[in-house]
Amino acid sequence: MPITTHMKTICVGRLLIDVPAESTITMGEFIVDDVSIDVEPNVTQGQFVQRMRDRWQEANAWVPDSIDHRYLHKPAERIEPTENGVIFMWGERNISFDDKRPQYVHDTEGYLWRDGTLYTFEKDLNSEKNFIAIMKRIRSRPDDVLPTTPGLCNVATFIPDDGVWHSDQIRLNIDVPSLNTSIGIIVQSIDGAPPERLLDRMDQRAPIATRELAEWAKNHPGEEYGEMKFRWAHRLVGRWPGDEVIGGGTDNKGRDGFSTGVTASWEFPGETRSTTMPHIALDMDTNYRTTQPPHPWGSFPKGVASGQLTETEFFALWDKMVDSLRLRPGAV
């Protein structure tokens, strides 16, 4: 049966991509307007309440170092700006060394629970206003339900557009244990200049990589390493002219045999402040352990074990995923 027979569609930011049906999302994080948010599914409301109780005790019990006179010793503060939303503020301090012009800052943490999903707003300075604005926009969603209106998707999450441009980055890590394969995807809006193209970065990196490999060989006598390039070219995907790099590497682990890893990458740099032309980076990795090295080194081993991708299956799955990248209908 072809490796691409059973696929499912997932939503990442404003994009859709098809991945193996048995895929499991192991990490979903996003950054909205410079606020980093971690997404944790399968958290009950009771667990959320207990975590908030415990965290409040920790924040409320915080005391500054006795030698740091800049702390104001102001009591910790807890606010609940929205249902099942909590923000803690503590550790207020003056970071200015000019007593006539004090500059007060405090640590801020935020937590939001929605339908079994916990959103943790990572600690930042004086960020309660940003936290509140984002909390009020977040909606929960089943992962198999694809929104049809403008906005961003993440794991169990939808953030409707509010008519204002926002910076954002969506990052998913996806495991396919049955195939010993992992997938990563980043979709990011670009506020300034887009990053350098993937092929340009690889070309610039090549001399450094050569020196590092020589140094590694010097420090690991008896071990060997070999690489192979499969693809290294521009690749147009839908409306996005990106770059594709696929290569493998094999190293000799002595008694542990040989380890071969194959990595595929495709990137589109993105356009400034565009919702339809974001920066996109897609990766797929798979690994093999063998008693003999593949020939040539860095290539796919022959006769791979059950549950591992053959060379034909690897490229079939990769091409299927890359070619499935598309803008979600109604996303903008």
C-alpha atoms as a PDB file:
ATOM      1  CA  MET A   1       0.000   0.000   0.000  1.00  0.00           C
ATOM      2  CA  PRO A   2       1.477   3.436  -0.913  1.00  0.00           C
ATOM      3  CA  ILE A   3       2.894   5.358   2.032  1.00  0.00           C
ATOM      4  CA  THR A   4       0.687   8.346   1.160  1.00  0.00           C
ATOM      5  CA  THR A   5      -2.618   6.453   1.193  1.00  0.00           C
ATOM      6  CA  HIS A   6      -3.683   7.572   4.674  1.00  0.00           C
ATOM      7  CA  MET A   7      -3.156  11.291   5.236  1.00  0.00           C
ATOM      8  CA  LYS A   8      -4.911  13.950   7.287  1.00  0.00           C
ATOM      9  CA  THR A   9      -5.072  17.716   6.943  1.00  0.00           C
ATOM     10  CA  ILE A  10      -3.863  19.974   9.738  1.00  0.00           C
ATOM     11  CA  CYS A  11      -4.045  23.750  10.043  1.00  0.00           C
ATOM     12  CA  VAL A  12      -0.896  25.767  10.801  1.00  0.00           C
ATOM     13  CA  GLY A  13      -1.336  29.515  11.022  1.00  0.00           C
ATOM     14  CA  ARG A  14      -3.262  30.378   7.876  1.00  0.00           C
ATOM     15  CA  LEU A  15      -1.993  27.346   5.961  1.00  0.00           C
ATOM     16  CA  LEU A  16      -3.072  23.740   5.493  1.00  0.00           C
ATOM     17  CA  ILE A  17      -0.766  20.756   5.070  1.00  0.00           C
ATOM     18  CA  ASP A  18      -1.376  17.015   4.704  1.00  0.00           C
ATOM     19  CA  VAL A  19       0.577  14.707   7.033  1.00  0.00           C
ATOM     20  CA  PRO A  20       0.390  10.951   7.776  1.00  0.00           C
ATOM     21  CA  ALA A  21      -2.870  10.042   9.485  1.00  0.00           C
ATOM     22  CA  GLU A  22      -1.045   8.483  12.451  1.00  0.00           C
ATOM     23  CA  SER A  23       0.939  11.667  13.127  1.00  0.00           C
ATOM     24  CA  THR A  24       0.964  13.070  16.647  1.00  0.00           C
ATOM     25  CA  ILE A  25       1.636  16.726  17.390  1.00  0.00           C
ATOM     26  CA  THR A  26       4.150  16.733  20.241  1.00  0.00           C
ATOM     27  CA  MET A  27       4.661  20.474  20.567  1.00  0.00           C
ATOM     28  CA  GLY A  28       2.608  23.468  19.602  1.00  0.00           C
ATOM     29  CA  GLU A  29       3.841  26.913  20.501  1.00  0.00           C
ATOM     30  CA  PHE A  30       3.291  30.330  19.101  1.00  0.00           C
ATOM     31  CA  ILE A  31       4.390  33.910  19.477  1.00  0.00           C
ATOM     32  CA  VAL A  32       1.825  36.661  18.982  1.00  0.00           C
ATOM     33  CA  ASP A  33       2.947  40.292  19.195  1.00  0.00           C
ATOM     34  CA  ASP A  34       6.170  39.178  20.930  1.00  0.00           C
ATOM     35  CA  VAL A  35       4.241  37.183  23.543  1.00  0.00           C
ATOM     36  CA  SER A  36       5.358  33.538  23.733  1.00  0.00           C
ATOM     37  CA  ILE A  37       2.516  31.116  24.429  1.00  0.00           C
ATOM     38  CA  ASP A  38       2.835  27.402  25.150  1.00  0.00           C
ATOM     39  CA  VAL A  39      -0.120  25.149  24.315  1.00  0.00           C
ATOM     40  CA  GLU A  40      -0.809  22.127  26.522  1.00  0.00           C
ATOM     41  CA  PRO A  41      -3.849  19.999  25.632  1.00  0.00           C
ATOM     42  CA  ASN A  42      -5.634  17.490  27.896  1.00  0.00           C
ATOM     43  CA  VAL A  43      -5.683  19.617  31.054  1.00  0.00           C
ATOM     44  CA  THR A  44      -8.854  19.443  33.145  1.00  0.00           C
ATOM     45  CA  GLN A  45     -10.389  22.514  34.727  1.00  0.00           C
ATOM     46  CA  GLY A  46      -9.677  21.022  38.140  1.00  0.00           C
ATOM     47  CA  GLN A  47      -6.001  20.630  37.272  1.00  0.00           C
ATOM     48  CA  PHE A  48      -5.932  24.201  36.010  1.00  0.00           C
ATOM     49  CA  VAL A  49      -7.453  25.545  39.247  1.00  0.00           C
ATOM     50  CA  GLN A  50      -4.955  23.589  41.365  1.00  0.00           C
ATOM     51  CA  ARG A  51      -1.995  24.773  39.277  1.00  0.00           C
ATOM     52  CA  MET A  52      -3.119  28.379  39.641  1.00  0.00           C
ATOM     53  CA  ARG A  53      -3.477  27.938  43.401  1.00  0.00           C
ATOM     54  CA  ASP A  54       0.027  26.495  43.661  1.00  0.00           C
ATOM     55  CA  ARG A  55       1.581  29.106  41.386  1.00  0.00           C
ATOM     56  CA  TRP A  56      -0.086  31.959  43.258  1.00  0.00           C
ATOM     57  CA  GLN A  57       1.380  30.706  46.518  1.00  0.00           C
ATOM     58  CA  GLU A  58       4.841  30.690  44.919  1.00  0.00           C
ATOM     59  CA  ALA A  59       4.471  34.173  43.451  1.00  0.00           C
ATOM     60  CA  ASN A  60       2.979  35.574  46.640  1.00  0.00           C
ATOM     61  CA  ALA A  61       5.767  34.097  48.757  1.00  0.00           C
ATOM     62  CA  TRP A  62       8.539  35.535  46.569  1.00  0.00           C
ATOM     63  CA  VAL A  63      11.037  37.795  48.334  1.00  0.00           C
ATOM     64  CA  PRO A  64      13.976  39.641  46.788  1.00  0.00           C
ATOM     65  CA  ASP A  65      17.591  38.998  47.580  1.00  0.00           C
ATOM     66  CA  SER A  66      18.526  40.892  50.731  1.00  0.00           C
ATOM     67  CA  ILE A  67      21.320  42.768  48.990  1.00  0.00           C
ATOM     68  CA  ASP A  68      19.190  44.036  46.090  1.00  0.00           C
ATOM     69  CA  HIS A  69      17.879  47.391  47.309  1.00  0.00           C
ATOM     70  CA  ARG A  70      16.124  48.152  44.027  1.00  0.00           C
ATOM     71  CA  TYR A  71      13.170  45.876  44.777  1.00  0.00           C
ATOM     72  CA  LEU A  72      10.163  47.713  46.166  1.00  0.00           C
ATOM     73  CA  HIS A  73       8.838  44.771  48.186  1.00  0.00           C
ATOM     74  CA  LYS A  74       5.439  45.469  46.637  1.00  0.00           C
ATOM     75  CA  PRO A  75       3.039  42.565  47.260  1.00  0.00           C
ATOM     76  CA  ALA A  76       2.312  40.209  44.378  1.00  0.00           C
ATOM     77  CA  GLU A  77      -0.867  40.930  42.446  1.00  0.00           C
ATOM     78  CA  ARG A  78      -3.308  38.530  40.792  1.00  0.00           C
ATOM     79  CA  ILE A  79      -5.948  39.564  38.263  1.00  0.00           C
ATOM     80  CA  GLU A  80      -8.526  37.561  36.308  1.00  0.00           C
ATOM     81  CA  PRO A  81      -9.300  39.623  33.191  1.00  0.00           C
ATOM     82  CA  THR A  82     -11.402  36.931  31.480  1.00  0.00           C
ATOM     83  CA  GLU A  83     -13.131  33.679  32.389  1.00  0.00           C
ATOM     84  CA  ASN A  84     -10.519  31.051  33.313  1.00  0.00           C
ATOM     85  CA  GLY A  85      -7.783  33.588  32.643  1.00  0.00           C
ATOM     86  CA  VAL A  86      -5.248  34.481  35.333  1.00  0.00           C
ATOM     87  CA  ILE A  87      -2.325  36.908  35.373  1.00  0.00           C
ATOM     88  CA  PHE A  88       0.289  37.115  38.132  1.00  0.00           C
ATOM     89  CA  MET A  89       2.488  40.187  38.678  1.00  0.00           C
ATOM     90  CA  TRP A  90       5.284  40.313  41.225  1.00  0.00           C
ATOM     91  CA  GLY A  91       8.862  41.402  41.901  1.00  0.00           C
ATOM     92  CA  GLU A  92       8.396  45.069  41.061  1.00  0.00           C
ATOM     93  CA  ARG A  93      11.728  46.876  40.971  1.00  0.00           C
ATOM     94  CA  ASN A  94      13.426  50.031  39.854  1.00  0.00           C
ATOM     95  CA  ILE A  95      15.937  49.244  37.120  1.00  0.00           C
ATOM     96  CA  SER A  96      17.188  52.823  36.877  1.00  0.00           C
ATOM     97  CA  PHE A  97      20.285  53.902  38.753  1.00  0.00           C
ATOM     98  CA  ASP A  98      19.051  57.491  38.681  1.00  0.00           C
ATOM     99  CA  ASP A  99      16.956  58.017  41.833  1.00  0.00           C
ATOM    100  CA  LYS A 100      15.315  61.049  40.280  1.00  0.00           C
ATOM    101  CA  ARG A 101      14.113  59.068  37.261  1.00  0.00           C
ATOM    102  CA  PRO A 102      12.970  55.663  38.475  1.00  0.00           C
ATOM    103  CA  GLN A 103      11.941  53.020  35.963  1.00  0.00           C
ATOM    104  CA  TYR A 104       9.772  50.361  37.532  1.00  0.00           C
ATOM    105  CA  VAL A 105       9.286  46.905  36.035  1.00  0.00           C
ATOM    106  CA  HIS A 106       7.671  43.734  37.290  1.00  0.00           C
ATOM    107  CA  ASP A 107       7.480  40.104  36.201  1.00  0.00           C
ATOM    108  CA  THR A 108       4.271  38.989  34.529  1.00  0.00           C
ATOM    109  CA  GLU A 109       2.937  35.487  33.881  1.00  0.00           C
ATOM    110  CA  GLY A 110      -0.370  34.540  32.300  1.00  0.00           C
ATOM    111  CA  TYR A 111      -2.519  31.411  32.153  1.00  0.00           C
ATOM    112  CA  LEU A 112      -5.688  30.701  30.203  1.00  0.00           C
ATOM    113  CA  TRP A 113      -7.822  27.540  30.205  1.00  0.00           C
ATOM    114  CA  ARG A 114     -10.185  26.800  27.325  1.00  0.00           C
ATOM    115  CA  ASP A 115     -12.079  23.511  26.894  1.00  0.00           C
ATOM    116  CA  GLY A 116      -9.311  21.214  28.114  1.00  0.00           C
ATOM    117  CA  THR A 117      -6.372  23.235  26.782  1.00  0.00           C
ATOM    118  CA  LEU A 118      -4.007  25.273  28.936  1.00  0.00           C
ATOM    119  CA  TYR A 119      -2.247  28.306  27.443  1.00  0.00           C
ATOM    120  CA  THR A 120       0.811  29.485  29.346  1.00  0.00           C
ATOM    121  CA  PHE A 121       2.001  33.025  28.614  1.00  0.00           C
ATOM    122  CA  GLU A 122       5.727  32.952  29.307  1.00  0.00           C
ATOM    123  CA  LYS A 123       7.149  35.317  31.893  1.00  0.00           C
ATOM    124  CA  ASP A 124       7.856  38.808  30.609  1.00  0.00           C
ATOM    125  CA  LEU A 125       8.156  42.345  31.947  1.00  0.00           C
ATOM    126  CA  ASN A 126       5.096  44.608  32.308  1.00  0.00           C
ATOM    127  CA  SER A 127       3.135  42.552  29.774  1.00  0.00           C
ATOM    128  CA  GLU A 128      -0.312  42.327  31.342  1.00  0.00           C
ATOM    129  CA  LYS A 129      -1.944  44.547  28.688  1.00  0.00           C
ATOM    130  CA  ASN A 130      -0.617  42.375  25.845  1.00  0.00           C
ATOM    131  CA  PHE A 131      -1.622  39.210  27.716  1.00  0.00           C
ATOM    132  CA  ILE A 132      -5.171  40.473  28.222  1.00  0.00           C
ATOM    133  CA  ALA A 133      -5.583  41.491  24.564  1.00  0.00           C
ATOM    134  CA  ILE A 134      -4.511  38.054  23.332  1.00  0.00           C
ATOM    135  CA  MET A 135      -6.486  36.142  25.965  1.00  0.00           C
ATOM    136  CA  LYS A 136      -9.671  37.791  24.768  1.00  0.00           C
ATOM    137  CA  ARG A 137      -9.013  36.648  21.176  1.00  0.00           C
ATOM    138  CA  ILE A 138      -8.132  32.987  21.785  1.00  0.00           C
ATOM    139  CA  ARG A 139     -10.758  30.369  20.928  1.00  0.00           C
ATOM    140  CA  SER A 140     -10.529  26.601  21.352  1.00  0.00           C
ATOM    141  CA  ARG A 141     -11.157  24.211  18.459  1.00  0.00           C
ATOM    142  CA  PRO A 142     -11.014  20.455  17.809  1.00  0.00           C
ATOM    143  CA  ASP A 143      -7.903  19.678  15.753  1.00  0.00           C
ATOM    144  CA  ASP A 144     -10.004  18.015  13.036  1.00  0.00           C
ATOM    145  CA  VAL A 145     -12.166  21.118  12.575  1.00  0.00           C
ATOM    146  CA  LEU A 146     -10.760  23.572  10.038  1.00  0.00           C
ATOM    147  CA  PRO A 147     -11.911  27.193  10.473  1.00  0.00           C
ATOM    148  CA  THR A 148     -13.506  28.966   7.529  1.00  0.00           C
ATOM    149  CA  THR A 149     -12.996  32.569   8.701  1.00  0.00           C
ATOM    150  CA  PRO A 150      -9.907  34.832   8.849  1.00  0.00           C
ATOM    151  CA  GLY A 151      -7.439  34.009  11.613  1.00  0.00           C
ATOM    152  CA  LEU A 152      -4.646  31.773  12.883  1.00  0.00           C
ATOM    153  CA  CYS A 153      -4.664  28.078  13.788  1.00  0.00           C
ATOM    154  CA  ASN A 154      -2.511  26.240  16.262  1.00  0.00           C
ATOM    155  CA  VAL A 155      -2.967  23.042  18.263  1.00  0.00           C
ATOM    156  CA  ALA A 156      -6.550  23.073  19.626  1.00  0.00           C
ATOM    157  CA  THR A 157      -6.567  26.826  18.985  1.00  0.00           C
ATOM    158  CA  PHE A 158      -8.017  29.482  16.703  1.00  0.00           C
ATOM    159  CA  ILE A 159      -7.321  33.209  16.992  1.00  0.00           C
ATOM    160  CA  PRO A 160      -9.761  35.255  14.879  1.00  0.00           C
ATOM    161  CA  ASP A 161      -8.406  38.275  13.053  1.00  0.00           C
ATOM    162  CA  ASP A 162      -9.481  41.608  14.533  1.00  0.00           C
ATOM    163  CA  GLY A 163      -8.722  43.836  11.554  1.00  0.00           C
ATOM    164  CA  VAL A 164      -5.263  44.795  12.815  1.00  0.00           C
ATOM    165  CA  TRP A 165      -1.972  43.342  11.556  1.00  0.00           C
ATOM    166  CA  HIS A 166      -0.222  41.256  14.229  1.00  0.00           C
ATOM    167  CA  SER A 167       3.183  39.622  14.253  1.00  0.00           C
ATOM    168  CA  ASP A 168       2.956  35.883  14.815  1.00  0.00           C
ATOM    169  CA  GLN A 169       4.918  32.649  14.634  1.00  0.00           C
ATOM    170  CA  ILE A 170       3.390  29.174  14.723  1.00  0.00           C
ATOM    171  CA  ARG A 171       5.667  26.176  15.342  1.00  0.00           C
ATOM    172  CA  LEU A 172       4.585  22.531  15.327  1.00  0.00           C
ATOM    173  CA  ASN A 173       6.637  19.408  15.994  1.00  0.00           C
ATOM    174  CA  ILE A 174       5.021  16.250  14.631  1.00  0.00           C
ATOM    175  CA  ASP A 175       6.076  12.670  15.331  1.00  0.00           C
ATOM    176  CA  VAL A 176       5.270   9.631  13.203  1.00  0.00           C
ATOM    177  CA  PRO A 177       6.485   6.804  15.492  1.00  0.00           C
ATOM    178  CA  SER A 178       5.350   4.034  13.157  1.00  0.00           C
ATOM    179  CA  LEU A 179       7.747   5.410  10.516  1.00  0.00           C
ATOM    180  CA  ASN A 180      10.558   6.510  12.864  1.00  0.00           C
ATOM    181  CA  THR A 181      10.133   9.965  11.370  1.00  0.00           C
ATOM    182  CA  SER A 182       9.630  13.492  12.697  1.00  0.00           C
ATOM    183  CA  ILE A 183       8.229  16.561  10.953  1.00  0.00           C
ATOM    184  CA  GLY A 184       8.582  20.217  11.855  1.00  0.00           C
ATOM    185  CA  ILE A 185       6.867  23.258  10.424  1.00  0.00           C
ATOM    186  CA  ILE A 186       7.157  26.975  11.157  1.00  0.00           C
ATOM    187  CA  VAL A 187       4.859  29.636   9.717  1.00  0.00           C
ATOM    188  CA  GLN A 188       5.850  33.184  10.624  1.00  0.00           C
ATOM    189  CA  SER A 189       4.718  36.637   9.621  1.00  0.00           C
ATOM    190  CA  ILE A 190       7.608  38.928   8.691  1.00  0.00           C
ATOM    191  CA  ASP A 191       7.696  42.464  10.083  1.00  0.00           C
ATOM    192  CA  GLY A 192      11.163  43.490   8.872  1.00  0.00           C
ATOM    193  CA  ALA A 193      13.397  42.049   6.185  1.00  0.00           C
ATOM    194  CA  PRO A 194      12.810  38.347   5.372  1.00  0.00           C
ATOM    195  CA  PRO A 195      15.566  35.894   6.328  1.00  0.00           C
ATOM    196  CA  GLU A 196      18.219  34.866   3.821  1.00  0.00           C
ATOM    197  CA  ARG A 197      17.208  32.148   1.420  1.00  0.00           C
ATOM    198  CA  LEU A 198      17.953  28.585   2.506  1.00  0.00           C
ATOM    199  CA  LEU A 199      20.332  27.875  -0.392  1.00  0.00           C
ATOM    200  CA  ASP A 200      22.292  31.053   0.273  1.00  0.00           C
ATOM    201  CA  ARG A 201      22.693  30.127   3.941  1.00  0.00           C
ATOM    202  CA  MET A 202      23.812  26.638   3.037  1.00  0.00           C
ATOM    203  CA  ASP A 203      26.396  27.971   0.582  1.00  0.00           C
ATOM    204  CA  GLN A 204      27.766  30.347   3.215  1.00  0.00           C
ATOM    205  CA  ARG A 205      27.830  27.564   5.777  1.00  0.00           C
ATOM    206  CA  ALA A 206      29.704  25.067   3.579  1.00  0.00           C
ATOM    207  CA  PRO A 207      33.298  26.251   4.319  1.00  0.00           C
ATOM    208  CA  ILE A 208      32.570  26.357   8.054  1.00  0.00           C
ATOM    209  CA  ALA A 209      31.036  22.876   7.963  1.00  0.00           C
ATOM    210  CA  THR A 210      34.121  21.539   6.181  1.00  0.00           C
ATOM    211  CA  ARG A 211      36.417  22.941   8.881  1.00  0.00           C
ATOM    212  CA  GLU A 212      34.176  21.594  11.662  1.00  0.00           C
ATOM    213  CA  LEU A 213      34.143  18.136  10.078  1.00  0.00           C
ATOM    214  CA  ALA A 214      37.946  18.126   9.854  1.00  0.00           C
ATOM    215  CA  GLU A 215      38.175  19.142  13.514  1.00  0.00           C
ATOM    216  CA  TRP A 216      35.681  16.425  14.481  1.00  0.00           C
ATOM    217  CA  ALA A 217      37.699  13.777  12.628  1.00  0.00           C
ATOM    218  CA  LYS A 218      40.858  14.933  14.400  1.00  0.00           C
ATOM    219  CA  ASN A 219      39.199  14.617  17.809  1.00  0.00           C
ATOM    220  CA  HIS A 220      37.511  11.263  17.067  1.00  0.00           C
ATOM    221  CA  PRO A 221      40.190   8.923  15.733  1.00  0.00           C
ATOM    222  CA  GLY A 222      38.804   5.697  14.338  1.00  0.00           C
ATOM    223  CA  GLU A 223      35.369   7.165  13.634  1.00  0.00           C
ATOM    224  CA  GLU A 224      34.236   8.009  10.126  1.00  0.00           C
ATOM    225  CA  TYR A 225      31.610  10.252   8.616  1.00  0.00           C
ATOM    226  CA  GLY A 226      30.237  10.609   5.101  1.00  0.00           C
ATOM    227  CA  GLU A 227      27.561  12.794   3.484  1.00  0.00           C
ATOM    228  CA  MET A 228      25.391  12.701   0.383  1.00  0.00           C
ATOM    229  CA  LYS A 229      23.254  15.328  -1.336  1.00  0.00           C
ATOM    230  CA  PHE A 230      19.980  14.251  -2.907  1.00  0.00           C
ATOM    231  CA  ARG A 231      18.386  17.587  -3.813  1.00  0.00           C
ATOM    232  CA  TRP A 232      19.729  21.149  -3.687  1.00  0.00           C
ATOM    233  CA  ALA A 233      17.647  23.556  -5.779  1.00  0.00           C
ATOM    234  CA  HIS A 234      14.835  26.100  -5.961  1.00  0.00           C
ATOM    235  CA  ARG A 235      11.356  24.592  -5.691  1.00  0.00           C
ATOM    236  CA  LEU A 236       8.097  26.408  -6.367  1.00  0.00           C
ATOM    237  CA  VAL A 237       5.245  25.247  -4.123  1.00  0.00           C
ATOM    238  CA  GLY A 238       1.893  26.776  -4.950  1.00  0.00           C
ATOM    239  CA  ARG A 239       2.378  30.538  -4.821  1.00  0.00           C
ATOM    240  CA  TRP A 240       5.608  30.291  -2.795  1.00  0.00           C
ATOM    241  CA  PRO A 241       9.019  30.176  -4.581  1.00  0.00           C
ATOM    242  CA  GLY A 242      11.181  28.388  -2.034  1.00  0.00           C
ATOM    243  CA  ASP A 243      14.389  26.380  -1.729  1.00  0.00           C
ATOM    244  CA  GLU A 244      14.762  22.642  -1.150  1.00  0.00           C
ATOM    245  CA  VAL A 245      17.731  20.886   0.461  1.00  0.00           C
ATOM    246  CA  ILE A 246      17.791  17.129   1.103  1.00  0.00           C
ATOM    247  CA  GLY A 247      20.861  15.308   2.358  1.00  0.00           C
ATOM    248  CA  GLY A 248      22.038  12.379   4.406  1.00  0.00           C
ATOM    249  CA  GLY A 249      24.926  11.661   6.720  1.00  0.00           C
ATOM    250  CA  THR A 250      26.386   8.413   8.093  1.00  0.00           C
ATOM    251  CA  ASP A 251      28.782   8.063  11.007  1.00  0.00           C
ATOM    252  CA  ASN A 252      30.559   5.056  12.396  1.00  0.00           C
ATOM    253  CA  LYS A 253      29.773   4.543  16.078  1.00  0.00           C
ATOM    254  CA  GLY A 254      32.222   1.686  16.532  1.00  0.00           C
ATOM    255  CA  ARG A 255      30.594  -1.143  18.449  1.00  0.00           C
ATOM    256  CA  ASP A 256      27.200   0.502  18.002  1.00  0.00           C
ATOM    257  CA  GLY A 257      27.383   0.109  14.230  1.00  0.00           C
ATOM    258  CA  PHE A 258      26.436   2.848  11.797  1.00  0.00           C
ATOM    259  CA  SER A 259      23.936   5.670  12.202  1.00  0.00           C
ATOM    260  CA  THR A 260      22.415   7.315   9.134  1.00  0.00           C
ATOM    261  CA  GLY A 261      20.164  10.344   9.226  1.00  0.00           C
ATOM    262  CA  VAL A 262      18.344  11.847   6.248  1.00  0.00           C
ATOM    263  CA  THR A 263      16.919  15.377   6.463  1.00  0.00           C
ATOM    264  CA  ALA A 264      14.690  17.198   3.995  1.00  0.00           C
ATOM    265  CA  SER A 265      14.073  20.947   4.211  1.00  0.00           C
ATOM    266  CA  TRP A 266      12.000  23.394   2.207  1.00  0.00           C
ATOM    267  CA  GLU A 267      11.793  27.106   2.962  1.00  0.00           C
ATOM    268  CA  PHE A 268      10.146  30.205   1.583  1.00  0.00           C
ATOM    269  CA  PRO A 269      11.595  33.479   2.972  1.00  0.00           C
ATOM    270  CA  GLY A 270       8.293  35.339   3.073  1.00  0.00           C
ATOM    271  CA  GLU A 271       7.283  38.903   2.310  1.00  0.00           C
ATOM    272  CA  THR A 272       7.093  41.818   4.746  1.00  0.00           C
ATOM    273  CA  ARG A 273       3.740  42.190   6.544  1.00  0.00           C
ATOM    274  CA  SER A 274       1.935  39.776   4.268  1.00  0.00           C
ATOM    275  CA  THR A 275      -0.721  37.367   5.521  1.00  0.00           C
ATOM    276  CA  THR A 276      -0.689  35.317   2.330  1.00  0.00           C
ATOM    277  CA  MET A 277       3.112  35.194   1.846  1.00  0.00           C
ATOM    278  CA  PRO A 278       4.522  34.336   5.293  1.00  0.00           C
ATOM    279  CA  HIS A 279       7.883  32.789   6.020  1.00  0.00           C
ATOM    280  CA  ILE A 280       7.454  28.987   5.827  1.00  0.00           C
ATOM    281  CA  ALA A 281       9.958  26.321   6.904  1.00  0.00           C
ATOM    282  CA  LEU A 282       9.158  22.604   6.582  1.00  0.00           C
ATOM    283  CA  ASP A 283      11.488  19.780   7.670  1.00  0.00           C
ATOM    284  CA  MET A 284      11.354  15.985   7.778  1.00  0.00           C
ATOM    285  CA  ASP A 285      13.921  13.721   9.473  1.00  0.00           C
ATOM    286  CA  THR A 286      14.343   9.951   9.604  1.00  0.00           C
ATOM    287  CA  ASN A 287      17.127   7.812  11.077  1.00  0.00           C
ATOM    288  CA  TYR A 288      18.551   4.329  10.576  1.00  0.00           C
ATOM    289  CA  ARG A 289      20.909   2.098  12.557  1.00  0.00           C
ATOM    290  CA  THR A 290      22.730  -0.640  10.648  1.00  0.00           C
ATOM    291  CA  THR A 291      25.615  -3.036  11.186  1.00  0.00           C
ATOM    292  CA  GLN A 292      27.114  -2.083   7.812  1.00  0.00           C
ATOM    293  CA  PRO A 293      27.406   1.376   6.229  1.00  0.00           C
ATOM    294  CA  PRO A 294      25.132   2.262   3.322  1.00  0.00           C
ATOM    295  CA  HIS A 295      26.800   2.619  -0.024  1.00  0.00           C
ATOM    296  CA  PRO A 296      27.573   5.374  -0.629  1.00  0.00           C
ATOM    297  CA  TRP A 297      27.795   6.813   2.880  1.00  0.00           C
ATOM    298  CA  GLY A 298      24.926   9.171   3.661  1.00  0.00           C
ATOM    299  CA  SER A 299      22.501   7.309   1.402  1.00  0.00           C
ATOM    300  CA  PHE A 300      19.502   5.201   2.402  1.00  0.00           C
ATOM    301  CA  PRO A 301      20.481   1.751   3.730  1.00  0.00           C
ATOM    302  CA  LYS A 302      19.287  -1.226   1.702  1.00  0.00           C
ATOM    303  CA  GLY A 303      16.729  -3.589   3.176  1.00  0.00           C
ATOM    304  CA  VAL A 304      15.515  -1.252   5.933  1.00  0.00           C
ATOM    305  CA  ALA A 305      13.626  -2.703   8.878  1.00  0.00           C
ATOM    306  CA  SER A 306       9.851  -2.852   8.959  1.00  0.00           C
ATOM    307  CA  GLY A 307       8.386   0.476  10.036  1.00  0.00           C
ATOM    308  CA  GLN A 308      11.164   2.511   8.452  1.00  0.00           C
ATOM    309  CA  LEU A 309      10.921   4.466   5.240  1.00  0.00           C
ATOM    310  CA  THR A 310      12.607   3.196   2.113  1.00  0.00           C
ATOM    311  CA  GLU A 311      14.170   5.774  -0.174  1.00  0.00           C
ATOM    312  CA  THR A 312      11.149   5.632  -2.485  1.00  0.00           C
ATOM    313  CA  GLU A 313       8.731   6.039   0.427  1.00  0.00           C
ATOM    314  CA  PHE A 314      10.724   8.893   1.951  1.00  0.00           C
ATOM    315  CA  PHE A 315      10.557  10.989  -1.210  1.00  0.00           C
ATOM    316  CA  ALA A 316       6.936  10.037  -1.905  1.00  0.00           C
ATOM    317  CA  LEU A 317       5.868  11.184   1.556  1.00  0.00           C
ATOM    318  CA  TRP A 318       8.002  14.321   1.462  1.00  0.00           C
ATOM    319  CA  ASP A 319       6.714  15.378  -1.965  1.00  0.00           C
ATOM    320  CA  LYS A 320       3.143  14.696  -0.916  1.00  0.00           C
ATOM    321  CA  MET A 321       3.467  16.954   2.135  1.00  0.00           C
ATOM    322  CA  VAL A 322       5.339  19.753   0.366  1.00  0.00           C
ATOM    323  CA  ASP A 323       2.938  19.843  -2.575  1.00  0.00           C
ATOM    324  CA  SER A 324      -0.057  19.892  -0.201  1.00  0.00           C
ATOM    325  CA  LEU A 325       0.945  23.229   1.367  1.00  0.00           C
ATOM    326  CA  ARG A 326      -1.810  25.715   0.617  1.00  0.00           C
ATOM    327  CA  LEU A 327      -3.583  28.748   2.000  1.00  0.00           C
ATOM    328  CA  ARG A 328      -6.620  27.793   4.073  1.00  0.00           C
ATOM    329  CA  PRO A 329      -9.862  28.859   2.328  1.00  0.00           C
ATOM    330  CA  GLY A 330     -11.247  31.873   4.195  1.00  0.00           C
ATOM    331  CA  ALA A 331      -8.004  32.460   6.107  1.00  0.00           C
ATOM    332  CA  VAL A 332      -7.661  36.075   4.960  1.00  0.00           C
END
